Amino acid sequence: MAQRDGMNLPQMITRLYHESIDAGHDLGNFTSFLRVCALRYLELQLTGDVPRDTRVPIASLDADHILEKSPSAKSTPSRGERTRH
């Protein structure tokens, strides 16, 4: 996943950490959050929402559009609906 956007693993983990904080997530169990991110990435590849071609950077994709049509999105607030706790 990290290589798709020209990052190494520590850079990707740091980016996810900061994006999670910015979104107002409770990071009481960051390891669990990383597992969920990895599984969601695989799910989105299986559904075709994220191309399997690793030459396509994830940053080039329309994340909001992908997440809006994802079955998991029904239980997850969109970026605009999230609030800080």
Protein backbone atom coordinates (compact mmCIF):
# COMPACT_ATOMS: atom_id res chain seq x y z
CA MET A 1 0.00 0.00 0.00
CA ALA A 2 2.76 2.44 0.93
CA GLN A 3 4.73 1.84 -2.25
CA ARG A 4 1.75 2.81 -4.39
CA ASP A 5 2.11 6.39 -3.17
CA GLY A 6 5.90 6.45 -3.02
CA MET A 7 6.14 5.99 0.75
CA ASN A 8 7.91 3.52 2.98
CA LEU A 9 5.99 1.72 5.74
CA PRO A 10 6.85 4.13 8.60
CA GLN A 11 5.80 7.10 6.45
CA MET A 12 2.46 5.48 5.63
CA ILE A 13 1.77 4.59 9.27
CA THR A 14 2.61 8.15 10.33
CA ARG A 15 0.31 9.54 7.64
CA LEU A 16 -2.56 7.27 8.71
CA TYR A 17 -1.98 8.28 12.34
CA HIS A 18 -2.18 11.99 11.56
CA GLU A 19 -5.17 11.61 9.22
CA SER A 20 -6.96 9.61 11.90
CA ILE A 21 -6.32 12.29 14.50
CA ASP A 22 -7.49 14.99 12.07
CA ALA A 23 -10.72 13.00 11.49
CA GLY A 24 -11.35 12.88 15.24
CA HIS A 25 -10.96 9.13 15.68
CA ASP A 26 -10.27 7.64 19.08
CA LEU A 27 -6.82 6.08 18.74
CA GLY A 28 -7.01 3.99 21.87
CA ASN A 29 -6.13 0.95 19.76
CA PHE A 30 -4.11 2.15 16.79
CA THR A 31 -3.02 -1.39 15.89
CA SER A 32 -6.65 -2.36 15.40
CA PHE A 33 -7.16 0.74 13.25
CA LEU A 34 -4.25 -0.35 11.02
CA ARG A 35 -5.75 -3.83 10.63
CA VAL A 36 -9.08 -2.32 9.61
CA CYS A 37 -7.31 -0.07 7.08
CA ALA A 38 -5.53 -3.06 5.54
CA LEU A 39 -8.73 -5.10 5.33
CA ARG A 40 -10.69 -2.19 3.83
CA TYR A 41 -7.95 -1.77 1.23
CA LEU A 42 -8.24 -5.44 0.28
CA GLU A 43 -12.05 -5.21 0.24
CA LEU A 44 -11.92 -2.21 -2.08
CA GLN A 45 -9.53 -4.05 -4.39
CA LEU A 46 -11.84 -7.07 -4.51
CA THR A 47 -14.86 -4.92 -5.38
CA GLY A 48 -12.85 -3.11 -8.07
CA ASP A 49 -13.10 0.29 -6.37
CA VAL A 50 -9.32 0.39 -5.96
CA PRO A 51 -7.43 -0.82 -9.02
CA ARG A 52 -5.30 -3.92 -8.49
CA ASP A 53 -2.65 -2.30 -10.70
CA THR A 54 -0.19 -1.04 -8.09
CA ARG A 55 1.16 1.52 -10.55
CA VAL A 56 -2.02 3.56 -9.91
CA PRO A 57 -1.36 5.70 -6.80
CA ILE A 58 -4.04 5.58 -4.15
CA ALA A 59 -3.70 9.36 -3.77
CA SER A 60 -4.93 9.73 -7.37
CA LEU A 61 -8.28 8.08 -6.58
CA ASP A 62 -11.47 9.90 -5.50
CA ALA A 63 -11.65 8.59 -1.92
CA ASP A 64 -14.98 10.26 -1.09
CA HIS A 65 -16.66 8.72 -4.15
CA ILE A 66 -15.22 5.27 -3.40
CA LEU A 67 -16.29 5.36 0.24
CA GLU A 68 -19.80 6.67 -0.55
CA LYS A 69 -20.64 3.62 -2.63
CA SER A 70 -18.92 1.12 -0.34
CA PRO A 71 -21.27 -1.20 1.63
CA SER A 72 -19.28 -0.41 4.78
CA ALA A 73 -20.01 3.30 4.32
CA LYS A 74 -23.57 2.81 5.54
CA SER A 75 -22.26 2.34 9.08
CA THR A 76 -19.47 4.92 8.80
CA PRO A 77 -20.12 8.69 8.70
CA SER A 78 -18.72 10.52 5.68
CA ARG A 79 -15.88 12.99 6.15
CA GLY A 80 -18.34 15.90 6.36
CA GLU A 81 -20.45 14.17 9.02
CA ARG A 82 -17.60 13.25 11.37
CA THR A 83 -17.17 15.31 14.49
CA ARG A 84 -14.31 15.61 16.94
CA HIS A 85 -14.73 13.99 20.35
